[in-house]
Amino acid sequence: MTPQTLFNIIIAILILNFIKDQILDALNAKHFNDALPKELEDVYDETEYKKSQAYKKEKYRFGVLTSCVSFIGVLLFFFLDGFAYINKIARSVSDNEIVIALLFFAIILFASDIVMTPFGYYNTFVIEEKFGFNKTTRATFFLDKLKGWLVMGIIGAGLLSAIIWFYQTTGSYFWLWAWAIISVFAVFMNLFYARLIVPLFNKQTPLQEGSLRSKIENYANTVGFTLDNIFVIDGSKRSTKANAYFSGFGKEKRITLYDTLINDLEEDEIVAVLAHEVGHYKKNHIIINLFASIITTGFTLWLLSLFVGSPLLSEALHVPQPSFHIGLIAFGVLYTPVSELTGLLMNYLSRVFEYQADYYAKSTFSAQPLISALKKLSKNSLSNLTPHPAYVFVHYSHPTLLQRFKSLKKRK
């Protein structure tokens, strides 16, 4: 295979993936005006549903614009030998391959983020503001950017440096060492993400004593679930949209409630949502997802080890000198079809887990408050209640509200 042939394959993958996403988005958009299913007619009244439809359409149009700009930018970067240009800049600064790689990715990521920042700004302060969701100040928006760069700089640079060092010192077996360090890091982050990263962006406070905490603790006791850490996060700092999540395991496990969730739902509905989260823990979904992620990472690194050293990858991007960072870029695109398949599998597994957690909440607490909570959360976020099945299959990590409603109603 010639470098030009490989370059053509890379471009074809980029184009086909873009077309696939646009087709799915368009199919989904055609269902925006569908009538609500009978089971969900109580979620929106006529005025609210029209608002939901307007929100979906505006997000869709803006998404098309954003993805087209991003896609054109990526194609231009490939055709105008952007990677070779950035590689030349990085090599003019240092002869150390680790430093070169760090500079290479820093320039690309920083430049792309700067280009896309106006789109993020418009989405937050125009679209989300227009429909009453945005609570983010401009200071918070830009401060989040700076913090994000800092976190990525420390963590990303550290992991990439270690991987390249292993590549230089262990050769073709570098993937085993890289797999080990990434796996350890993944476990560490699962344990301590809420302690180390979340406080950089949000304030977390223990849930105060009162009837809600008592109901949560009483439920936890009935299912034999030790729960000492119940936190409230200031989600209203950025948006009116609500959420709750479970993190960690062992002594580090904790449940985090958005303050918007507490404001939007009744206490029994909140307990039902938490029962769903407890179900994830009881069913070992967190461990299974972590294990699946580690296995997928190992497989990806193994494949990377087979190809990253090939001069063909670098030459395909018009860089004559083979290097890990250029090979990684080419491999990343070539790996897209595989990552799409693994993504489909992980989304399918996630949807199965959501059904299981719903059933756990139903069997240990009650189905009705969970259903009413899901409906309220969907209403308050102007969710799409009539998505196209193909879009759901590819993109959804959760079943649709209608699917969850039917499952909770029929399962014994």
Protein backbone atom coordinates (compact mmCIF):
# COMPACT_ATOMS: atom_id res chain seq x y z
CA MET A 1 0.00 0.00 0.00
CA THR A 2 1.28 3.46 -0.87
CA PRO A 3 1.10 6.45 1.48
CA GLN A 4 -1.33 8.16 -0.90
CA THR A 5 -3.66 5.15 -0.84
CA LEU A 6 -3.64 5.16 2.96
CA PHE A 7 -4.29 8.91 2.96
CA ASN A 8 -7.29 8.34 0.68
CA ILE A 9 -8.60 5.66 3.05
CA ILE A 10 -8.27 8.05 6.00
CA ILE A 11 -10.20 10.76 4.14
CA ALA A 12 -12.86 8.23 3.09
CA ILE A 13 -13.36 7.16 6.71
CA LEU A 14 -13.74 10.79 7.81
CA ILE A 15 -16.27 11.51 5.06
CA LEU A 16 -18.31 8.35 5.57
CA ASN A 17 -18.45 8.89 9.32
CA PHE A 18 -19.62 12.47 8.81
CA ILE A 19 -22.30 11.39 6.33
CA LYS A 20 -23.50 8.68 8.71
CA ASP A 21 -23.88 11.20 11.53
CA GLN A 22 -25.72 13.68 9.31
CA ILE A 23 -28.14 11.01 8.08
CA LEU A 24 -28.93 9.90 11.63
CA ASP A 25 -29.41 13.49 12.77
CA ALA A 26 -31.72 14.21 9.83
CA LEU A 27 -33.77 11.05 10.45
CA ASN A 28 -34.12 12.04 14.07
CA ALA A 29 -35.14 15.59 13.16
CA LYS A 30 -37.98 14.30 10.98
CA HIS A 31 -39.66 13.00 14.15
CA PHE A 32 -39.59 16.31 16.01
CA ASN A 33 -43.19 17.06 15.03
CA ASP A 34 -44.56 13.61 15.84
CA ALA A 35 -47.54 13.45 18.17
CA LEU A 36 -46.68 12.42 21.70
CA PRO A 37 -47.26 8.73 22.53
CA LYS A 38 -50.41 8.21 24.54
CA GLU A 39 -48.42 7.07 27.55
CA LEU A 40 -46.50 10.36 27.61
CA GLU A 41 -49.23 12.85 26.81
CA ASP A 42 -49.12 14.15 30.38
CA VAL A 43 -45.47 15.19 30.13
CA TYR A 44 -46.15 18.33 28.10
CA ASP A 45 -49.18 20.52 27.57
CA GLU A 46 -49.61 22.00 24.09
CA THR A 47 -47.58 25.14 24.81
CA GLU A 48 -44.74 23.24 26.46
CA TYR A 49 -44.59 20.70 23.64
CA LYS A 50 -44.31 23.47 21.06
CA LYS A 51 -41.46 24.93 23.12
CA SER A 52 -39.81 21.51 23.22
CA GLN A 53 -40.13 21.18 19.44
CA ALA A 54 -38.66 24.64 18.90
CA TYR A 55 -35.74 23.80 21.21
CA LYS A 56 -35.01 20.54 19.40
CA LYS A 57 -35.13 22.20 15.98
CA GLU A 58 -32.84 25.03 17.01
CA LYS A 59 -30.35 22.62 18.59
CA TYR A 60 -30.46 20.48 15.44
CA ARG A 61 -29.80 23.39 13.08
CA PHE A 62 -26.97 24.66 15.24
CA GLY A 63 -25.56 21.12 15.51
CA VAL A 64 -25.49 20.81 11.71
CA LEU A 65 -23.64 24.12 11.43
CA THR A 66 -21.15 23.21 14.15
CA SER A 67 -20.42 19.73 12.78
CA CYS A 68 -20.02 21.08 9.21
CA VAL A 69 -17.55 23.74 10.32
CA SER A 70 -15.62 21.15 12.34
CA PHE A 71 -15.64 18.66 9.46
CA ILE A 72 -14.45 21.21 6.90
CA GLY A 73 -11.72 22.33 9.27
CA VAL A 74 -10.51 18.76 9.75
CA LEU A 75 -10.48 18.08 6.00
CA LEU A 76 -8.56 21.28 5.30
CA PHE A 77 -6.05 20.34 8.00
CA PHE A 78 -5.46 16.99 6.31
CA PHE A 79 -5.29 18.31 2.74
CA LEU A 80 -3.10 21.30 3.61
CA ASP A 81 -0.59 19.14 5.52
CA GLY A 82 -1.46 20.72 8.84
CA PHE A 83 0.00 17.85 10.84
CA ALA A 84 3.33 18.16 9.03
CA TYR A 85 3.34 21.90 9.73
CA ILE A 86 2.60 21.50 13.46
CA ASN A 87 5.16 18.68 13.67
CA LYS A 88 7.77 21.02 12.15
CA ILE A 89 6.99 23.70 14.72
CA ALA A 90 7.25 21.22 17.61
CA ARG A 91 10.57 19.84 16.31
CA SER A 92 11.98 23.35 16.04
CA VAL A 93 11.57 23.68 19.81
CA SER A 94 13.07 20.38 21.03
CA ASP A 95 14.76 17.16 19.95
CA ASN A 96 13.11 15.14 22.71
CA GLU A 97 10.32 12.96 21.29
CA ILE A 98 8.20 13.29 24.42
CA VAL A 99 8.44 17.08 24.41
CA ILE A 100 7.75 17.15 20.66
CA ALA A 101 4.61 15.01 21.09
CA LEU A 102 3.35 17.13 23.98
CA LEU A 103 3.85 20.35 22.01
CA PHE A 104 2.26 18.79 18.92
CA PHE A 105 -0.95 17.79 20.69
CA ALA A 106 -1.03 20.95 22.82
CA ILE A 107 -0.97 23.17 19.72
CA ILE A 108 -3.65 21.15 17.92
CA LEU A 109 -6.00 20.82 20.91
CA PHE A 110 -5.58 24.42 22.00
CA ALA A 111 -6.11 25.78 18.47
CA SER A 112 -9.18 23.61 17.83
CA ASP A 113 -10.69 24.58 21.18
CA ILE A 114 -10.15 28.26 20.44
CA VAL A 115 -11.85 27.86 17.05
CA MET A 116 -14.84 26.05 18.55
CA THR A 117 -15.21 28.29 21.62
CA PRO A 118 -17.50 30.82 19.84
CA PHE A 119 -19.86 27.95 19.01
CA GLY A 120 -19.90 26.82 22.63
CA TYR A 121 -20.46 30.41 23.71
CA TYR A 122 -23.40 30.82 21.32
CA ASN A 123 -24.93 27.53 22.45
CA THR A 124 -24.71 28.53 26.10
CA PHE A 125 -25.55 32.22 26.02
CA VAL A 126 -27.98 32.30 23.09
CA ILE A 127 -29.75 28.95 22.65
CA GLU A 128 -29.71 27.69 26.25
CA GLU A 129 -30.42 31.22 27.47
CA LYS A 130 -33.34 31.62 25.06
CA PHE A 131 -35.07 28.51 26.40
CA GLY A 132 -34.43 29.34 30.06
CA PHE A 133 -31.73 26.77 30.84
CA ASN A 134 -28.56 28.79 31.14
CA LYS A 135 -27.39 30.00 34.55
CA THR A 136 -23.72 30.21 33.62
CA THR A 137 -22.02 33.57 33.90
CA ARG A 138 -19.47 34.59 31.31
CA ALA A 139 -16.79 34.51 34.00
CA THR A 140 -17.70 30.92 34.88
CA PHE A 141 -17.77 29.93 31.19
CA PHE A 142 -14.23 31.12 30.53
CA LEU A 143 -12.93 30.01 33.92
CA ASP A 144 -14.22 26.50 33.14
CA LYS A 145 -12.20 26.65 29.93
CA LEU A 146 -9.03 27.53 31.79
CA LYS A 147 -9.60 24.84 34.40
CA GLY A 148 -10.33 22.29 31.68
CA TRP A 149 -7.07 23.13 29.94
CA LEU A 150 -5.21 22.86 33.24
CA VAL A 151 -6.68 19.45 34.07
CA MET A 152 -6.05 18.16 30.55
CA GLY A 153 -2.54 19.57 30.60
CA ILE A 154 -1.62 17.81 33.84
CA ILE A 155 -3.42 14.50 33.36
CA GLY A 156 -3.18 14.23 29.57
CA ALA A 157 0.45 15.27 29.42
CA GLY A 158 1.36 12.89 32.24
CA LEU A 159 -0.31 9.86 30.65
CA LEU A 160 0.98 10.63 27.14
CA SER A 161 4.52 11.13 28.44
CA ALA A 162 4.40 7.78 30.24
CA ILE A 163 3.04 5.97 27.16
CA ILE A 164 5.71 7.41 24.85
CA TRP A 165 8.43 6.63 27.38
CA PHE A 166 7.26 3.01 27.52
CA TYR A 167 7.18 2.98 23.70
CA GLN A 168 10.79 4.16 23.59
CA THR A 169 12.07 1.78 26.26
CA THR A 170 10.06 -1.44 25.79
CA GLY A 171 9.38 -1.44 22.06
CA SER A 172 6.48 -3.55 20.82
CA TYR A 173 5.50 -4.49 24.38
CA PHE A 174 4.82 -0.88 25.32
CA TRP A 175 1.08 -1.52 25.06
CA LEU A 176 1.16 -3.80 28.12
CA TRP A 177 2.81 -1.13 30.25
CA ALA A 178 0.57 1.58 28.83
CA TRP A 179 -2.47 -0.60 29.49
CA ALA A 180 -1.37 -1.12 33.09
CA ILE A 181 -0.87 2.55 33.85
CA ILE A 182 -4.11 3.60 32.15
CA SER A 183 -6.00 0.87 34.02
CA VAL A 184 -4.60 1.97 37.35
CA PHE A 185 -5.47 5.55 36.49
CA ALA A 186 -9.05 4.55 35.52
CA VAL A 187 -9.56 2.78 38.85
CA PHE A 188 -8.06 5.72 40.72
CA MET A 189 -10.33 8.20 38.95
CA ASN A 190 -13.40 6.04 39.61
CA LEU A 191 -12.53 6.16 43.28
CA PHE A 192 -11.45 9.76 43.71
CA TYR A 193 -12.92 11.78 40.81
CA ALA A 194 -15.56 13.28 43.11
CA ARG A 195 -12.92 14.29 45.63
CA LEU A 196 -10.25 15.62 43.27
CA ILE A 197 -11.82 16.87 40.02
CA VAL A 198 -15.41 17.85 40.78
CA PRO A 199 -14.42 20.45 43.44
CA LEU A 200 -12.47 22.33 40.75
CA PHE A 201 -15.74 23.09 38.99
CA ASN A 202 -18.54 22.71 41.53
CA LYS A 203 -19.24 23.03 45.21
CA GLN A 204 -20.34 19.85 46.96
CA THR A 205 -22.00 19.93 50.36
CA PRO A 206 -23.37 17.08 52.49
CA LEU A 207 -27.14 16.72 52.30
CA GLN A 208 -28.55 18.40 55.40
CA GLU A 209 -30.43 16.53 58.06
CA GLY A 210 -34.17 16.50 57.44
CA SER A 211 -36.99 14.45 56.02
CA LEU A 212 -35.29 13.86 52.64
CA ARG A 213 -32.07 12.58 54.17
CA SER A 214 -34.06 10.41 56.59
CA LYS A 215 -36.06 8.87 53.74
CA ILE A 216 -32.89 8.18 51.77
CA GLU A 217 -31.16 6.60 54.76
CA ASN A 218 -34.23 4.54 55.64
CA TYR A 219 -34.37 3.21 52.09
CA ALA A 220 -30.65 2.43 52.12
CA ASN A 221 -31.07 0.48 55.36
CA THR A 222 -33.94 -1.59 53.93
CA VAL A 223 -31.76 -2.80 51.03
CA GLY A 224 -28.61 -3.27 53.12
CA PHE A 225 -26.76 -0.43 51.44
CA THR A 226 -24.26 1.47 53.55
CA LEU A 227 -24.51 5.09 52.52
CA ASP A 228 -22.59 7.66 54.51
CA ASN A 229 -21.84 10.08 51.67
CA ILE A 230 -24.83 11.96 50.25
CA PHE A 231 -23.83 15.22 48.60
CA VAL A 232 -25.61 18.09 46.90
CA ILE A 233 -23.83 19.75 43.98
CA ASP A 234 -24.54 23.29 42.82
CA GLY A 235 -25.69 22.34 39.33
CA SER A 236 -27.85 25.48 39.23
CA LYS A 237 -24.59 27.40 38.92
CA ARG A 238 -24.61 26.51 35.22
CA SER A 239 -28.03 25.18 34.21
CA THR A 240 -31.57 24.52 35.34
CA LYS A 241 -31.29 20.92 34.10
CA ALA A 242 -31.24 18.29 36.85
CA ASN A 243 -29.26 15.12 37.43
CA ALA A 244 -28.06 12.63 40.03
CA TYR A 245 -25.22 10.16 39.86
CA PHE A 246 -23.42 7.46 41.76
CA SER A 247 -19.62 7.39 41.91
CA GLY A 248 -16.87 5.38 43.51
CA PHE A 249 -17.05 2.05 45.24
CA GLY A 250 -16.10 0.60 48.63
CA LYS A 251 -15.64 3.29 51.25
CA GLU A 252 -15.44 5.94 48.52
CA LYS A 253 -18.93 5.36 47.15
CA ARG A 254 -21.18 8.39 47.19
CA ILE A 255 -24.45 9.64 45.74
CA THR A 256 -24.53 13.16 44.39
CA LEU A 257 -27.75 15.10 43.86
CA TYR A 258 -27.99 18.25 41.78
CA ASP A 259 -29.63 21.04 43.72
CA THR A 260 -31.94 21.45 40.71
CA LEU A 261 -33.09 17.84 41.20
CA ILE A 262 -34.04 18.56 44.79
CA ASN A 263 -35.97 21.65 43.68
CA ASP A 264 -37.79 19.88 40.81
CA LEU A 265 -38.85 16.60 42.41
CA GLU A 266 -40.89 15.44 45.38
CA GLU A 267 -39.04 13.56 48.10
CA ASP A 268 -40.41 10.13 47.11
CA GLU A 269 -39.38 10.82 43.51
CA ILE A 270 -35.86 11.68 44.64
CA VAL A 271 -35.68 8.46 46.67
CA ALA A 272 -36.86 6.53 43.61
CA VAL A 273 -34.12 8.11 41.51
CA LEU A 274 -31.58 7.19 44.18
CA ALA A 275 -32.99 3.66 44.31
CA HIS A 276 -32.21 3.46 40.60
CA GLU A 277 -28.62 4.59 41.31
CA VAL A 278 -28.31 2.07 44.14
CA GLY A 279 -29.48 -0.55 41.66
CA HIS A 280 -26.47 0.22 39.48
CA TYR A 281 -24.21 -0.44 42.46
CA LYS A 282 -26.01 -3.56 43.63
CA LYS A 283 -25.93 -5.03 40.12
CA ASN A 284 -22.18 -4.29 39.86
CA HIS A 285 -22.71 -2.09 36.82
CA ILE A 286 -19.94 0.28 37.85
CA ILE A 287 -17.41 -2.56 38.11
CA ILE A 288 -18.59 -4.16 34.86
CA ASN A 289 -18.38 -0.86 32.98
CA LEU A 290 -14.92 -0.24 34.39
CA PHE A 291 -13.81 -3.75 33.42
CA ALA A 292 -15.27 -3.38 29.91
CA SER A 293 -13.52 -0.06 29.50
CA ILE A 294 -10.21 -1.56 30.59
CA ILE A 295 -10.57 -4.49 28.18
CA THR A 296 -11.46 -2.15 25.32
CA THR A 297 -8.47 0.04 26.14
CA GLY A 298 -6.16 -2.98 26.16
CA PHE A 299 -7.46 -4.13 22.77
CA THR A 300 -7.01 -0.63 21.31
CA LEU A 301 -3.46 -0.32 22.65
CA TRP A 302 -2.57 -3.77 21.31
CA LEU A 303 -3.76 -2.79 17.84
CA LEU A 304 -1.90 0.51 18.15
CA SER A 305 1.32 -1.36 18.96
CA LEU A 306 1.03 -3.30 15.69
CA PHE A 307 0.86 -0.21 13.49
CA VAL A 308 2.08 2.94 15.23
CA GLY A 309 5.74 2.34 14.34
CA SER A 310 5.04 1.90 10.64
CA PRO A 311 6.59 4.66 8.49
CA LEU A 312 3.53 4.33 6.24
CA LEU A 313 1.29 6.02 8.82
CA SER A 314 3.53 9.08 9.06
CA GLU A 315 4.14 9.23 5.31
CA ALA A 316 0.39 9.12 4.70
CA LEU A 317 0.15 12.43 6.59
CA HIS A 318 3.13 13.76 4.60
CA VAL A 319 5.55 13.57 7.52
CA PRO A 320 8.76 11.86 6.34
CA GLN A 321 10.11 11.11 9.83
CA PRO A 322 8.17 8.31 11.59
CA SER A 323 7.04 9.28 15.08
CA PHE A 324 4.64 8.05 17.71
CA HIS A 325 2.42 11.13 17.73
CA ILE A 326 1.91 11.20 13.95
CA GLY A 327 1.25 7.46 13.88
CA LEU A 328 -1.26 7.93 16.69
CA ILE A 329 -3.22 10.49 14.64
CA ALA A 330 -3.41 8.23 11.57
CA PHE A 331 -4.26 5.18 13.66
CA GLY A 332 -6.98 7.10 15.48
CA VAL A 333 -8.83 7.75 12.23
CA LEU A 334 -8.28 4.23 10.88
CA TYR A 335 -9.60 2.82 14.16
CA THR A 336 -12.89 4.75 13.80
CA PRO A 337 -14.92 1.82 12.38
CA VAL A 338 -13.80 -0.36 15.29
CA SER A 339 -14.55 2.34 17.87
CA GLU A 340 -17.99 2.78 16.32
CA LEU A 341 -18.70 -0.92 16.85
CA THR A 342 -17.43 -0.92 20.43
CA GLY A 343 -19.47 2.23 21.04
CA LEU A 344 -22.62 0.46 19.85
CA LEU A 345 -21.88 -2.46 22.18
CA MET A 346 -21.22 -0.19 25.16
CA ASN A 347 -24.41 1.79 24.52
CA TYR A 348 -26.41 -1.42 24.26
CA LEU A 349 -24.90 -2.68 27.52
CA SER A 350 -25.65 0.66 29.17
CA ARG A 351 -29.30 0.52 28.09
CA VAL A 352 -29.60 -3.01 29.50
CA PHE A 353 -28.14 -1.78 32.77
CA GLU A 354 -30.63 1.10 32.88
CA TYR A 355 -33.53 -1.35 32.59
CA GLN A 356 -32.02 -3.45 35.38
CA ALA A 357 -31.55 -0.42 37.64
CA ASP A 358 -35.12 0.70 36.92
CA TYR A 359 -36.44 -2.73 37.87
CA TYR A 360 -34.33 -2.70 41.04
CA ALA A 361 -35.87 0.64 42.03
CA LYS A 362 -39.34 -0.71 41.27
CA SER A 363 -38.86 -3.91 43.28
CA THR A 364 -37.21 -2.27 46.29
CA PHE A 365 -39.10 1.01 46.39
CA SER A 366 -41.85 1.82 43.86
CA ALA A 367 -42.32 2.23 40.11
CA GLN A 368 -44.73 5.16 40.16
CA PRO A 369 -42.50 7.80 41.78
CA LEU A 370 -39.68 6.77 39.43
CA ILE A 371 -41.97 7.16 36.41
CA SER A 372 -43.21 10.56 37.58
CA ALA A 373 -39.60 11.64 38.28
CA LEU A 374 -38.47 10.61 34.80
CA LYS A 375 -41.38 12.49 33.25
CA LYS A 376 -40.62 15.64 35.22
CA LEU A 377 -36.93 15.49 34.35
CA SER A 378 -37.79 15.05 30.68
CA LYS A 379 -40.24 17.95 30.77
CA ASN A 380 -37.85 20.30 32.55
CA SER A 381 -35.06 19.59 30.04
CA LEU A 382 -37.41 19.76 27.01
CA SER A 383 -36.30 16.25 26.06
CA ASN A 384 -37.08 14.63 22.74
CA LEU A 385 -39.79 12.07 23.46
CA THR A 386 -40.11 10.85 19.85
CA PRO A 387 -36.55 10.00 18.72
CA HIS A 388 -35.88 7.87 15.62
CA PRO A 389 -35.08 4.22 16.55
CA ALA A 390 -31.85 4.24 14.53
CA TYR A 391 -30.67 7.36 16.34
CA VAL A 392 -31.49 5.74 19.67
CA PHE A 393 -29.63 2.56 18.70
CA VAL A 394 -26.45 4.43 17.78
CA HIS A 395 -26.34 7.32 20.23
CA TYR A 396 -28.47 6.61 23.31
CA SER A 397 -26.82 5.23 26.43
CA HIS A 398 -30.26 5.18 28.11
CA PRO A 399 -33.55 3.76 26.84
CA THR A 400 -36.09 6.35 25.75
CA LEU A 401 -38.63 7.59 28.27
CA LEU A 402 -41.37 5.60 26.50
CA GLN A 403 -39.32 2.41 26.63
CA ARG A 404 -38.59 2.87 30.32
CA PHE A 405 -42.26 3.67 31.02
CA LYS A 406 -43.44 0.49 29.29
CA SER A 407 -40.77 -1.60 31.00
CA LEU A 408 -41.64 -0.31 34.46
CA LYS A 409 -45.35 -0.86 33.84
CA LYS A 410 -45.13 -4.42 32.59
CA ARG A 411 -42.29 -5.96 34.58
CA LYS A 412 -43.31 -7.99 37.60
